[in-house]
Protein backbone atom coordinates (compact mmCIF):
# COMPACT_ATOMS: atom_id res chain seq x y z
CA UNK A 1 0.01 0.03 0.01
CA UNK A 2 2.78 2.42 0.85
CA UNK A 3 4.39 2.41 -2.66
CA UNK A 4 0.97 3.06 -4.22
CA UNK A 5 0.31 5.90 -1.83
CA UNK A 6 3.74 7.35 -2.51
CA UNK A 7 3.24 7.13 -6.31
CA UNK A 8 -0.12 8.91 -6.08
CA UNK A 9 1.31 11.57 -3.70
CA UNK A 10 4.30 12.25 -5.95
CA UNK A 11 2.11 12.36 -9.06
CA UNK A 12 -0.19 14.96 -7.49
CA UNK A 13 2.85 17.01 -6.46
CA UNK A 14 4.35 16.78 -9.92
CA UNK A 15 1.06 17.87 -11.47
CA UNK A 16 0.91 20.88 -9.16
CA UNK A 17 4.48 21.86 -9.92
CA UNK A 18 3.90 21.60 -13.64
CA UNK A 19 0.72 23.66 -13.32
CA UNK A 20 2.63 26.32 -11.37
CA UNK A 21 5.23 26.42 -14.10
CA UNK A 22 2.57 26.71 -16.81
CA UNK A 23 1.21 29.79 -15.05
CA UNK A 24 4.54 31.61 -15.42
CA UNK A 25 5.30 30.68 -19.02
CA UNK A 26 4.50 33.28 -21.64
CA UNK A 27 5.14 31.02 -24.64
CA UNK A 28 1.77 29.43 -25.56
CA UNK A 29 3.50 26.49 -27.33
CA UNK A 30 5.42 25.56 -24.18
CA UNK A 31 2.27 25.98 -22.08
CA UNK A 32 0.36 23.68 -24.36
CA UNK A 33 3.09 21.03 -24.36
CA UNK A 34 3.31 21.07 -20.55
CA UNK A 35 -0.48 20.87 -20.28
CA UNK A 36 -0.50 17.84 -22.57
CA UNK A 37 2.19 16.18 -20.40
CA UNK A 38 0.26 16.98 -17.26
CA UNK A 39 -2.86 15.38 -18.77
CA UNK A 40 -0.91 12.20 -19.54
CA UNK A 41 0.55 12.04 -16.01
CA UNK A 42 -2.85 12.53 -14.43
CA UNK A 43 -4.55 9.93 -16.68
CA UNK A 44 -1.93 7.14 -16.73
CA UNK A 45 -0.97 6.71 -13.08
CA UNK A 46 -4.17 4.94 -12.04
CA UNK A 47 -4.07 2.52 -15.00
CA UNK A 48 -0.41 1.79 -14.16
CA UNK A 49 -1.35 0.92 -10.56
CA UNK A 50 -4.10 -1.39 -11.83
CA UNK A 51 -1.65 -2.97 -14.30
CA UNK A 52 0.79 -3.67 -11.46
CA UNK A 53 -1.98 -5.28 -9.42
CA UNK A 54 -2.99 -7.41 -12.43
CA UNK A 55 0.61 -8.61 -12.87
CA UNK A 56 0.83 -9.49 -9.17
CA UNK A 57 -2.37 -11.59 -9.60
CA UNK A 58 -1.06 -13.38 -12.66
CA UNK A 59 2.74 -13.15 -12.76
CA UNK A 60 3.11 -15.53 -15.69
CA UNK A 61 0.82 -13.52 -17.98
CA UNK A 62 3.19 -11.85 -20.51
CA UNK A 63 0.40 -9.76 -21.96
CA UNK A 64 -0.26 -8.12 -18.58
CA UNK A 65 3.46 -7.50 -18.08
CA UNK A 66 3.73 -5.90 -21.54
CA UNK A 67 0.75 -3.63 -20.80
CA UNK A 68 2.29 -2.59 -17.50
CA UNK A 69 5.67 -2.01 -19.06
CA UNK A 70 4.15 0.03 -21.90
CA UNK A 71 2.39 2.30 -19.41
CA UNK A 72 5.54 2.70 -17.31
CA UNK A 73 7.53 3.48 -20.40
CA UNK A 74 4.99 6.07 -21.56
CA UNK A 75 5.09 7.76 -18.17
CA UNK A 76 8.86 7.70 -18.10
CA UNK A 77 8.95 9.48 -21.48
CA UNK A 78 6.50 12.03 -20.28
CA UNK A 79 8.55 12.68 -17.11
CA UNK A 80 11.65 13.22 -19.28
CA UNK A 81 9.68 15.57 -21.53
CA UNK A 82 8.45 17.57 -18.52
CA UNK A 83 12.04 17.98 -17.33
CA UNK A 84 13.15 19.04 -20.85
CA UNK A 85 10.32 21.56 -21.20
CA UNK A 86 10.90 22.96 -17.73
CA UNK A 87 14.55 23.56 -18.55
CA UNK A 88 13.63 25.14 -21.84
CA UNK A 89 11.07 27.43 -20.15
CA UNK A 90 13.67 28.48 -17.59
CA UNK A 91 16.10 29.42 -20.38
CA UNK A 92 13.39 31.48 -22.06
CA UNK A 93 12.41 33.22 -18.83
CA UNK A 94 15.98 34.45 -18.25
CA UNK A 95 17.07 35.17 -21.82
């Protein structure tokens, strides 16, 4: 239970931080990209948790493992994109 709670807690914090960053960005393109990332983060964490639970219930099921891994990979890419966009927005703010 604790890892699930921690994942949800950190996801909520990330979404808040991203939203705060969006509010300070003047470039509408960067705002839109961060909003899209935030939407993905908010919508994929719960399915990822369910996918983990499904794999725990059927550890030999390769289809469930692939679905879980695909979700985790998608979230990982979005996290990296958020970091990249946040860095880019910082450069624009101070240039």
